[in-house]
Amino acid sequence: MWSRSVRRRAFQLLRNRPTMTTRNQIQRRTLIAAPKPGDGPLMERRPDRELPNINGFRWSRTFPIFLAIIAASSVAIFNYQKLSSPVVASTLYALRTNPRAREYLGDEIYFKHQIPWISGEMNQLRGRIDVRFAVKGTRNTAVMRFASFRPTPKGVFETTEWSLETPDGTRIDLLDGEDPFRAIASLPMDEEEREEATRGFRQQLR
């Protein structure tokens, strides 16, 4: 009886030995390296393929570029808002019809640069306008400055300065003692400023 039990146990050990060896071989199986840039297309899918390394991409390199693009886009949007304002169009039209401006600049008065830059403040809701931009004509170029303010919320804008500054620093006053914009009750607002003004008026009523 004892010899039979020993034989059975030995037979079971010999029978299970290949299975344990196979398991060890499976556990010790190495992974195939992940494909590198420039390698050909993968023709088969293998479960033992190693995953690619994702630590190669760093946000510290691209995040400053992203911030720079956002800042440049914001500046361009604000400049376009000033450029499309009725204030700039009105002052440019008045500049074309002014005798002193035409005497110095000549005919065909327009923006000096193809993409004009409008510097200064333009806040019609607060009653403060102080802008300047480069203009040109058939004779010369200059920088036009227009400044106006509104004393009271329901008052009219009063022009404090409307002049041309030549490249050599000479200042040409275009007001000549009279305000060409005085007849206008208020300079026209764009849609955004009109909406803010209406919203503020409704809050005052409440």
Protein backbone atom coordinates (compact mmCIF):
# COMPACT_ATOMS: atom_id res chain seq x y z
CA MET A 1 0.00 0.00 0.00
CA TRP A 2 2.79 2.36 0.88
CA SER A 3 4.60 1.68 -2.37
CA ARG A 4 1.45 2.34 -4.37
CA SER A 5 0.86 5.70 -2.72
CA VAL A 6 4.48 6.71 -3.36
CA ARG A 7 4.14 5.73 -6.99
CA ARG A 8 0.97 7.75 -7.39
CA ARG A 9 2.51 10.87 -5.88
CA ALA A 10 5.62 10.53 -8.03
CA PHE A 11 3.45 10.06 -11.09
CA GLN A 12 1.42 13.21 -10.24
CA LEU A 13 4.61 15.26 -9.72
CA LEU A 14 6.00 14.13 -13.06
CA ARG A 15 2.69 14.89 -14.70
CA ASN A 16 2.42 18.44 -13.28
CA ARG A 17 6.08 19.38 -13.90
CA PRO A 18 5.70 20.36 -17.59
CA THR A 19 2.71 22.54 -16.71
CA MET A 20 4.72 24.47 -14.07
CA THR A 21 7.60 24.86 -16.51
CA THR A 22 5.25 26.23 -19.14
CA ARG A 23 3.80 28.73 -16.65
CA ASN A 24 7.28 29.91 -15.74
CA GLN A 25 8.08 30.36 -19.42
CA ILE A 26 4.93 32.41 -19.92
CA GLN A 27 5.67 34.64 -16.92
CA ARG A 28 9.26 35.17 -18.00
CA ARG A 29 8.29 36.16 -21.53
CA THR A 30 9.73 39.57 -22.45
CA LEU A 31 7.70 42.35 -24.05
CA ILE A 32 8.35 43.55 -27.58
CA ALA A 33 9.61 47.12 -27.77
CA ALA A 34 7.18 49.81 -28.82
CA PRO A 35 7.47 51.17 -32.37
CA LYS A 36 9.73 54.19 -32.83
CA PRO A 37 9.19 57.21 -35.08
CA GLY A 38 10.03 56.28 -38.63
CA ASP A 39 9.22 52.59 -38.31
CA GLY A 40 6.96 51.01 -40.86
CA PRO A 41 3.26 50.33 -40.34
CA LEU A 42 2.21 47.71 -37.83
CA MET A 43 0.97 44.69 -39.73
CA GLU A 44 -0.24 42.79 -36.68
CA ARG A 45 -1.57 43.38 -33.21
CA ARG A 46 0.29 41.71 -30.40
CA PRO A 47 -0.84 41.65 -26.75
CA ASP A 48 2.77 41.56 -25.55
CA ARG A 49 3.78 44.81 -27.26
CA GLU A 50 5.20 47.44 -24.91
CA LEU A 51 3.32 50.74 -24.61
CA PRO A 52 5.04 53.89 -25.91
CA ASN A 53 6.56 56.41 -23.52
CA ILE A 54 4.33 59.44 -22.94
CA ASN A 55 6.83 61.46 -20.91
CA GLY A 56 8.50 62.88 -24.01
CA PHE A 57 5.93 65.69 -24.49
CA ARG A 58 6.38 68.67 -22.17
CA TRP A 59 3.80 71.38 -21.67
CA SER A 60 6.48 73.79 -20.49
CA ARG A 61 7.65 74.23 -24.09
CA THR A 62 4.29 74.85 -25.75
CA PHE A 63 2.41 76.68 -22.99
CA PRO A 64 4.33 79.99 -23.38
CA ILE A 65 3.65 79.86 -27.12
CA PHE A 66 -0.04 79.33 -26.41
CA LEU A 67 -0.10 82.34 -24.05
CA ALA A 68 1.68 84.50 -26.64
CA ILE A 69 -0.89 83.58 -29.30
CA ILE A 70 -3.77 84.39 -26.93
CA ALA A 71 -2.21 87.77 -26.01
CA ALA A 72 -1.59 88.70 -29.64
CA SER A 73 -5.12 87.71 -30.61
CA SER A 74 -6.61 89.80 -27.78
CA VAL A 75 -4.59 92.88 -28.79
CA ALA A 76 -5.64 92.45 -32.42
CA ILE A 77 -9.32 92.16 -31.42
CA PHE A 78 -9.20 95.33 -29.31
CA ASN A 79 -7.44 97.23 -32.08
CA TYR A 80 -10.02 96.09 -34.62
CA GLN A 81 -12.79 97.25 -32.28
CA LYS A 82 -11.25 100.73 -32.18
CA LEU A 83 -10.66 100.71 -35.93
CA SER A 84 -14.29 99.91 -36.71
CA SER A 85 -15.59 102.52 -34.26
CA PRO A 86 -17.65 105.42 -35.68
CA VAL A 87 -15.31 107.84 -33.88
CA VAL A 88 -12.38 106.91 -36.10
CA ALA A 89 -14.53 107.07 -39.23
CA SER A 90 -15.92 110.51 -38.26
CA THR A 91 -12.51 112.00 -37.47
CA LEU A 92 -11.02 110.61 -40.67
CA TYR A 93 -13.85 112.09 -42.73
CA ALA A 94 -13.46 115.46 -40.97
CA LEU A 95 -9.74 115.31 -41.68
CA ARG A 96 -10.38 114.91 -45.41
CA THR A 97 -12.60 118.00 -45.47
CA ASN A 98 -10.35 120.22 -43.32
CA PRO A 99 -8.46 122.89 -45.34
CA ARG A 100 -5.34 122.84 -43.14
CA ALA A 101 -5.12 119.07 -43.24
CA ARG A 102 -5.51 119.00 -47.01
CA GLU A 103 -2.91 121.75 -47.37
CA TYR A 104 -0.29 119.68 -45.57
CA LEU A 105 -1.28 116.09 -46.38
CA GLY A 106 -2.71 116.61 -49.85
CA ASP A 107 -5.48 114.55 -51.40
CA GLU A 108 -6.52 110.94 -50.83
CA ILE A 109 -6.11 111.11 -47.05
CA TYR A 110 -6.24 107.67 -45.49
CA PHE A 111 -4.46 105.46 -42.94
CA LYS A 112 -0.71 105.34 -43.37
CA HIS A 113 -0.32 101.62 -42.79
CA GLN A 114 -2.23 98.82 -44.45
CA ILE A 115 -3.13 97.47 -41.01
CA PRO A 116 -3.57 100.66 -38.94
CA TRP A 117 -2.82 100.75 -35.25
CA ILE A 118 -5.19 102.86 -33.14
CA SER A 119 -3.49 103.84 -29.88
CA GLY A 120 -5.06 105.56 -26.90
CA GLU A 121 -8.32 105.29 -24.99
CA MET A 122 -11.79 105.10 -26.45
CA ASN A 123 -14.46 104.83 -23.76
CA GLN A 124 -17.65 106.54 -24.86
CA LEU A 125 -19.58 105.12 -21.93
CA ARG A 126 -17.31 106.96 -19.48
CA GLY A 127 -17.10 109.98 -21.73
CA ARG A 128 -13.36 109.76 -22.48
CA ILE A 129 -11.88 109.64 -25.97
CA ASP A 130 -8.17 110.14 -26.70
CA VAL A 131 -6.92 108.34 -29.80
CA ARG A 132 -4.14 108.79 -32.29
CA PHE A 133 -3.19 107.05 -35.51
CA ALA A 134 -0.92 107.63 -38.50
CA VAL A 135 -2.39 109.08 -41.71
CA LYS A 136 -1.01 109.88 -45.12
CA GLY A 137 -1.88 111.86 -48.22
CA THR A 138 -0.41 112.54 -51.62
CA ARG A 139 2.10 115.01 -50.13
CA ASN A 140 3.07 114.11 -46.56
CA THR A 141 2.38 111.85 -43.60
CA ALA A 142 1.50 112.73 -40.01
CA VAL A 143 -0.03 111.42 -36.80
CA MET A 144 -3.55 112.61 -36.05
CA ARG A 145 -4.66 113.01 -32.45
CA PHE A 146 -8.26 113.45 -31.38
CA ALA A 147 -9.24 114.03 -27.74
CA SER A 148 -12.75 114.66 -26.47
CA PHE A 149 -14.60 114.31 -23.19
CA ARG A 150 -18.17 114.49 -21.89
CA PRO A 151 -18.65 116.56 -18.71
CA THR A 152 -21.96 114.97 -17.70
CA PRO A 153 -23.58 111.62 -18.58
CA LYS A 154 -26.30 113.41 -20.57
CA GLY A 155 -24.08 116.14 -21.98
CA VAL A 156 -22.36 116.47 -25.33
CA PHE A 157 -18.78 115.67 -26.15
CA GLU A 158 -16.37 118.60 -26.15
CA THR A 159 -13.28 118.33 -28.30
CA THR A 160 -10.13 119.35 -26.45
CA GLU A 161 -7.58 118.54 -29.14
CA TRP A 162 -7.63 117.75 -32.81
CA SER A 163 -4.24 118.12 -34.39
CA LEU A 164 -1.61 116.71 -36.71
CA GLU A 165 1.94 115.96 -35.64
CA THR A 166 4.47 115.99 -38.47
CA PRO A 167 7.54 113.71 -38.57
CA ASP A 168 9.78 116.62 -37.48
CA GLY A 169 7.63 117.28 -34.38
CA THR A 170 5.62 120.24 -35.67
CA ARG A 171 2.06 120.40 -34.37
CA ILE A 172 -0.73 121.62 -36.66
CA ASP A 173 -3.89 122.63 -34.81
CA LEU A 174 -7.03 121.75 -36.74
CA LEU A 175 -9.63 123.20 -34.36
CA ASP A 176 -8.95 126.84 -35.24
CA GLY A 177 -11.09 128.03 -32.33
CA GLU A 178 -14.15 126.09 -33.49
CA ASP A 179 -15.25 122.58 -32.64
CA PRO A 180 -16.43 120.81 -35.82
CA PHE A 181 -17.93 118.05 -33.69
CA ARG A 182 -19.88 120.42 -31.43
CA ALA A 183 -23.02 120.13 -33.50
CA ILE A 184 -23.16 116.42 -32.83
CA ALA A 185 -25.20 115.72 -29.70
CA SER A 186 -23.03 112.74 -28.94
CA LEU A 187 -20.62 110.66 -30.93
CA PRO A 188 -22.28 107.47 -32.17
CA MET A 189 -21.71 104.32 -30.17
CA ASP A 190 -21.21 100.83 -31.42
CA GLU A 191 -23.56 98.00 -30.49
CA GLU A 192 -21.57 96.81 -27.47
CA GLU A 193 -21.29 100.28 -25.90
CA ARG A 194 -24.98 100.98 -26.59
CA GLU A 195 -25.93 97.73 -24.84
CA GLU A 196 -23.79 98.60 -21.79
CA ALA A 197 -25.28 102.08 -21.61
CA THR A 198 -28.82 100.69 -21.76
CA ARG A 199 -28.00 98.14 -19.07
CA GLY A 200 -26.61 100.85 -16.78
CA PHE A 201 -29.70 103.00 -17.34
CA ARG A 202 -31.97 100.09 -16.37
CA GLN A 203 -30.00 99.51 -13.20
CA GLN A 204 -30.41 103.19 -12.25
CA LEU A 205 -34.17 102.90 -12.69
CA ARG A 206 -34.27 99.95 -10.32
